[in-house]
Amino acid sequence: MKIDFEKIENLKKELDKYRPFNEDLAKMLREDLKVRFTYNSNAIEGNTLTIYETKVI
């Protein structure tokens, strides 16, 4: 698998246009990260909840 560093750099530049994040956006991004981390961690263990169900819980 070849890693496309140029694409990664371009995505980072796009993200940097929005920095610094305001407090509300930073809070939303943190919450989304927690939900996705929990969902993926549970999926590895065999849990069958959807990401939406994980968010509700």
PDB file of N, CA and C in Angstrom:
ATOM      1  N   MET A   1       0.846  -1.187   0.000  1.00  0.00           N
ATOM      2  CA  MET A   1       0.000   0.000   0.000  1.00  0.00           C
ATOM      3  C   MET A   1       0.888   1.246   0.000  1.00  0.00           C
ATOM      4  N   LYS A   2       0.651   2.110  -0.958  1.00  0.00           N
ATOM      5  CA  LYS A   2       1.444   3.324  -1.079  1.00  0.00           C
ATOM      6  C   LYS A   2       0.715   4.467  -0.363  1.00  0.00           C
ATOM      7  N   ILE A   3       1.419   5.167   0.490  1.00  0.00           N
ATOM      8  CA  ILE A   3       0.842   6.302   1.208  1.00  0.00           C
ATOM      9  C   ILE A   3       1.014   7.553   0.362  1.00  0.00           C
ATOM     10  N   ASP A   4      -0.081   8.237   0.130  1.00  0.00           N
ATOM     11  CA  ASP A   4      -0.075   9.451  -0.697  1.00  0.00           C
ATOM     12  C   ASP A   4       0.118  10.671   0.215  1.00  0.00           C
ATOM     13  N   PHE A   5       1.388  10.987   0.496  1.00  0.00           N
ATOM     14  CA  PHE A   5       1.695  12.084   1.403  1.00  0.00           C
ATOM     15  C   PHE A   5       1.252  13.433   0.850  1.00  0.00           C
ATOM     16  N   GLU A   6       1.258  13.574  -0.452  1.00  0.00           N
ATOM     17  CA  GLU A   6       0.818  14.828  -1.059  1.00  0.00           C
ATOM     18  C   GLU A   6      -0.670  15.054  -0.769  1.00  0.00           C
ATOM     19  N   LYS A   7      -1.463  14.015  -0.881  1.00  0.00           N
ATOM     20  CA  LYS A   7      -2.892  14.126  -0.585  1.00  0.00           C
ATOM     21  C   LYS A   7      -3.107  14.471   0.887  1.00  0.00           C
ATOM     22  N   ILE A   8      -2.338  13.822   1.765  1.00  0.00           N
ATOM     23  CA  ILE A   8      -2.446  14.106   3.197  1.00  0.00           C
ATOM     24  C   ILE A   8      -2.091  15.564   3.472  1.00  0.00           C
ATOM     25  N   GLU A   9      -1.030  16.045   2.868  1.00  0.00           N
ATOM     26  CA  GLU A   9      -0.606  17.437   3.057  1.00  0.00           C
ATOM     27  C   GLU A   9      -1.669  18.404   2.554  1.00  0.00           C
ATOM     28  N   ASN A  10      -2.280  18.089   1.414  1.00  0.00           N
ATOM     29  CA  ASN A  10      -3.345  18.952   0.892  1.00  0.00           C
ATOM     30  C   ASN A  10      -4.554  18.977   1.815  1.00  0.00           C
ATOM     31  N   LEU A  11      -4.911  17.837   2.380  1.00  0.00           N
ATOM     32  CA  LEU A  11      -6.026  17.794   3.325  1.00  0.00           C
ATOM     33  C   LEU A  11      -5.713  18.594   4.583  1.00  0.00           C
ATOM     34  N   LYS A  12      -4.461  18.518   5.040  1.00  0.00           N
ATOM     35  CA  LYS A  12      -4.060  19.291   6.220  1.00  0.00           C
ATOM     36  C   LYS A  12      -4.141  20.781   5.929  1.00  0.00           C
ATOM     37  N   LYS A  13      -3.696  21.195   4.767  1.00  0.00           N
ATOM     38  CA  LYS A  13      -3.773  22.612   4.395  1.00  0.00           C
ATOM     39  C   LYS A  13      -5.217  23.082   4.369  1.00  0.00           C
ATOM     40  N   GLU A  14      -6.115  22.243   3.858  1.00  0.00           N
ATOM     41  CA  GLU A  14      -7.542  22.582   3.829  1.00  0.00           C
ATOM     42  C   GLU A  14      -8.086  22.739   5.247  1.00  0.00           C
ATOM     43  N   LEU A  15      -7.708  21.830   6.120  1.00  0.00           N
ATOM     44  CA  LEU A  15      -8.143  21.903   7.517  1.00  0.00           C
ATOM     45  C   LEU A  15      -7.575  23.139   8.204  1.00  0.00           C
ATOM     46  N   ASP A  16      -6.333  23.463   7.926  1.00  0.00           N
ATOM     47  CA  ASP A  16      -5.689  24.614   8.565  1.00  0.00           C
ATOM     48  C   ASP A  16      -6.378  25.943   8.236  1.00  0.00           C
ATOM     49  N   LYS A  17      -7.129  25.984   7.143  1.00  0.00           N
ATOM     50  CA  LYS A  17      -7.859  27.204   6.796  1.00  0.00           C
ATOM     51  C   LYS A  17      -8.895  27.562   7.858  1.00  0.00           C
ATOM     52  N   TYR A  18      -9.344  26.574   8.603  1.00  0.00           N
ATOM     53  CA  TYR A  18     -10.389  26.781   9.598  1.00  0.00           C
ATOM     54  C   TYR A  18      -9.841  26.996  11.009  1.00  0.00           C
ATOM     55  N   ARG A  19      -8.531  26.992  11.142  1.00  0.00           N
ATOM     56  CA  ARG A  19      -7.916  27.169  12.459  1.00  0.00           C
ATOM     57  C   ARG A  19      -7.741  28.638  12.762  1.00  0.00           C
ATOM     58  N   PRO A  20      -7.748  29.064  14.004  1.00  0.00           N
ATOM     59  CA  PRO A  20      -8.071  28.220  15.156  1.00  0.00           C
ATOM     60  C   PRO A  20      -9.576  27.955  15.207  1.00  0.00           C
ATOM     61  N   PHE A  21      -9.937  26.767  15.663  1.00  0.00           N
ATOM     62  CA  PHE A  21     -11.343  26.411  15.777  1.00  0.00           C
ATOM     63  C   PHE A  21     -11.987  27.210  16.895  1.00  0.00           C
ATOM     64  N   ASN A  22     -13.245  27.595  16.686  1.00  0.00           N
ATOM     65  CA  ASN A  22     -13.937  28.235  17.800  1.00  0.00           C
ATOM     66  C   ASN A  22     -14.298  27.158  18.817  1.00  0.00           C
ATOM     67  N   GLU A  23     -14.658  27.566  19.995  1.00  0.00           N
ATOM     68  CA  GLU A  23     -14.892  26.633  21.100  1.00  0.00           C
ATOM     69  C   GLU A  23     -15.995  25.629  20.792  1.00  0.00           C
ATOM     70  N   ASP A  24     -17.069  26.068  20.157  1.00  0.00           N
ATOM     71  CA  ASP A  24     -18.176  25.169  19.841  1.00  0.00           C
ATOM     72  C   ASP A  24     -17.761  24.090  18.842  1.00  0.00           C
ATOM     73  N   LEU A  25     -17.023  24.478  17.820  1.00  0.00           N
ATOM     74  CA  LEU A  25     -16.571  23.512  16.823  1.00  0.00           C
ATOM     75  C   LEU A  25     -15.606  22.509  17.458  1.00  0.00           C
ATOM     76  N   ALA A  26     -14.698  22.984  18.280  1.00  0.00           N
ATOM     77  CA  ALA A  26     -13.747  22.097  18.949  1.00  0.00           C
ATOM     78  C   ALA A  26     -14.491  21.093  19.827  1.00  0.00           C
ATOM     79  N   LYS A  27     -15.522  21.537  20.512  1.00  0.00           N
ATOM     80  CA  LYS A  27     -16.312  20.649  21.371  1.00  0.00           C
ATOM     81  C   LYS A  27     -17.017  19.586  20.523  1.00  0.00           C
ATOM     82  N   MET A  28     -17.584  19.986  19.381  1.00  0.00           N
ATOM     83  CA  MET A  28     -18.272  19.042  18.495  1.00  0.00           C
ATOM     84  C   MET A  28     -17.290  18.012  17.934  1.00  0.00           C
ATOM     85  N   LEU A  29     -16.098  18.456  17.555  1.00  0.00           N
ATOM     86  CA  LEU A  29     -15.097  17.538  17.022  1.00  0.00           C
ATOM     87  C   LEU A  29     -14.631  16.543  18.084  1.00  0.00           C
ATOM     88  N   ARG A  30     -14.448  17.014  19.331  1.00  0.00           N
ATOM     89  CA  ARG A  30     -14.059  16.122  20.422  1.00  0.00           C
ATOM     90  C   ARG A  30     -15.126  15.059  20.667  1.00  0.00           C
ATOM     91  N   GLU A  31     -16.390  15.487  20.682  1.00  0.00           N
ATOM     92  CA  GLU A  31     -17.492  14.556  20.906  1.00  0.00           C
ATOM     93  C   GLU A  31     -17.564  13.523  19.783  1.00  0.00           C
ATOM     94  N   ASP A  32     -17.409  13.965  18.549  1.00  0.00           N
ATOM     95  CA  ASP A  32     -17.425  13.043  17.410  1.00  0.00           C
ATOM     96  C   ASP A  32     -16.282  12.036  17.518  1.00  0.00           C
ATOM     97  N   LEU A  33     -15.111  12.503  17.904  1.00  0.00           N
ATOM     98  CA  LEU A  33     -13.964  11.608  18.051  1.00  0.00           C
ATOM     99  C   LEU A  33     -14.223  10.560  19.128  1.00  0.00           C
ATOM    100  N   LYS A  34     -14.805  10.976  20.254  1.00  0.00           N
ATOM    101  CA  LYS A  34     -15.107  10.024  21.332  1.00  0.00           C
ATOM    102  C   LYS A  34     -16.092   8.958  20.860  1.00  0.00           C
ATOM    103  N   VAL A  35     -17.127   9.368  20.137  1.00  0.00           N
ATOM    104  CA  VAL A  35     -18.122   8.410  19.653  1.00  0.00           C
ATOM    105  C   VAL A  35     -17.475   7.433  18.671  1.00  0.00           C
ATOM    106  N   ARG A  36     -16.708   7.944  17.727  1.00  0.00           N
ATOM    107  CA  ARG A  36     -16.072   7.076  16.727  1.00  0.00           C
ATOM    108  C   ARG A  36     -15.060   6.120  17.366  1.00  0.00           C
ATOM    109  N   PHE A  37     -14.310   6.612  18.333  1.00  0.00           N
ATOM    110  CA  PHE A  37     -13.336   5.773  19.027  1.00  0.00           C
ATOM    111  C   PHE A  37     -14.057   4.650  19.772  1.00  0.00           C
ATOM    112  N   THR A  38     -15.121   5.012  20.483  1.00  0.00           N
ATOM    113  CA  THR A  38     -15.894   4.017  21.231  1.00  0.00           C
ATOM    114  C   THR A  38     -16.515   2.995  20.286  1.00  0.00           C
ATOM    115  N   TYR A  39     -17.117   3.480  19.203  1.00  0.00           N
ATOM    116  CA  TYR A  39     -17.740   2.585  18.221  1.00  0.00           C
ATOM    117  C   TYR A  39     -16.720   1.593  17.663  1.00  0.00           C
ATOM    118  N   ASN A  40     -15.581   2.092  17.214  1.00  0.00           N
ATOM    119  CA  ASN A  40     -14.572   1.219  16.613  1.00  0.00           C
ATOM    120  C   ASN A  40     -13.957   0.260  17.624  1.00  0.00           C
ATOM    121  N   SER A  41     -13.729   0.726  18.843  1.00  0.00           N
ATOM    122  CA  SER A  41     -13.196  -0.149  19.889  1.00  0.00           C
ATOM    123  C   SER A  41     -14.169  -1.275  20.193  1.00  0.00           C
ATOM    124  N   ASN A  42     -15.452  -0.944  20.295  1.00  0.00           N
ATOM    125  CA  ASN A  42     -16.459  -1.958  20.566  1.00  0.00           C
ATOM    126  C   ASN A  42     -16.626  -2.914  19.393  1.00  0.00           C
ATOM    127  N   ALA A  43     -16.527  -2.405  18.169  1.00  0.00           N
ATOM    128  CA  ALA A  43     -16.656  -3.260  16.984  1.00  0.00           C
ATOM    129  C   ALA A  43     -15.535  -4.291  16.940  1.00  0.00           C
ATOM    130  N   ILE A  44     -14.344  -3.905  17.339  1.00  0.00           N
ATOM    131  CA  ILE A  44     -13.221  -4.842  17.381  1.00  0.00           C
ATOM    132  C   ILE A  44     -13.534  -5.999  18.326  1.00  0.00           C
ATOM    133  N   GLU A  45     -14.246  -5.681  19.404  1.00  0.00           N
ATOM    134  CA  GLU A  45     -14.603  -6.696  20.395  1.00  0.00           C
ATOM    135  C   GLU A  45     -15.827  -7.509  19.993  1.00  0.00           C
ATOM    136  N   GLY A  46     -16.438  -7.188  18.853  1.00  0.00           N
ATOM    137  CA  GLY A  46     -17.564  -7.963  18.369  1.00  0.00           C
ATOM    138  C   GLY A  46     -18.929  -7.343  18.625  1.00  0.00           C
ATOM    139  N   ASN A  47     -18.971  -6.156  19.183  1.00  0.00           N
ATOM    140  CA  ASN A  47     -20.235  -5.479  19.429  1.00  0.00           C
ATOM    141  C   ASN A  47     -20.889  -5.130  18.087  1.00  0.00           C
ATOM    142  N   THR A  48     -22.206  -5.290  17.992  1.00  0.00           N
ATOM    143  CA  THR A  48     -22.894  -5.065  16.720  1.00  0.00           C
ATOM    144  C   THR A  48     -23.692  -3.766  16.689  1.00  0.00           C
ATOM    145  N   LEU A  49     -23.508  -2.898  17.677  1.00  0.00           N
ATOM    146  CA  LEU A  49     -24.196  -1.610  17.664  1.00  0.00           C
ATOM    147  C   LEU A  49     -23.746  -0.783  16.463  1.00  0.00           C
ATOM    148  N   THR A  50     -24.669  -0.005  15.914  1.00  0.00           N
ATOM    149  CA  THR A  50     -24.299   0.933  14.855  1.00  0.00           C
ATOM    150  C   THR A  50     -23.649   2.149  15.506  1.00  0.00           C
ATOM    151  N   ILE A  51     -23.036   2.985  14.683  1.00  0.00           N
ATOM    152  CA  ILE A  51     -22.429   4.197  15.230  1.00  0.00           C
ATOM    153  C   ILE A  51     -23.480   5.113  15.825  1.00  0.00           C
ATOM    154  N   TYR A  52     -24.682   5.122  15.242  1.00  0.00           N
ATOM    155  CA  TYR A  52     -25.757   5.962  15.756  1.00  0.00           C
ATOM    156  C   TYR A  52     -26.247   5.449  17.111  1.00  0.00           C
ATOM    157  N   GLU A  53     -26.328   4.128  17.257  1.00  0.00           N
ATOM    158  CA  GLU A  53     -26.710   3.543  18.539  1.00  0.00           C
ATOM    159  C   GLU A  53     -25.647   3.834  19.593  1.00  0.00           C
ATOM    160  N   THR A  54     -24.406   3.766  19.191  1.00  0.00           N
ATOM    161  CA  THR A  54     -23.299   4.068  20.113  1.00  0.00           C
ATOM    162  C   THR A  54     -23.401   5.513  20.588  1.00  0.00           C
ATOM    163  N   LYS A  55     -23.723   6.424  19.695  1.00  0.00           N
ATOM    164  CA  LYS A  55     -23.839   7.844  20.055  1.00  0.00           C
ATOM    165  C   LYS A  55     -24.959   8.053  21.068  1.00  0.00           C
ATOM    166  N   VAL A  56     -26.075   7.359  20.896  1.00  0.00           N
ATOM    167  CA  VAL A  56     -27.208   7.502  21.805  1.00  0.00           C
ATOM    168  C   VAL A  56     -26.827   7.019  23.194  1.00  0.00           C
ATOM    169  N   ILE A  57     -26.109   5.900  23.243  1.00  0.00           N
ATOM    170  CA  ILE A  57     -25.706   5.328  24.534  1.00  0.00           C
ATOM    171  C   ILE A  57     -24.678   6.220  25.175  1.00  0.00           C
TER     172      ILE A  57
END
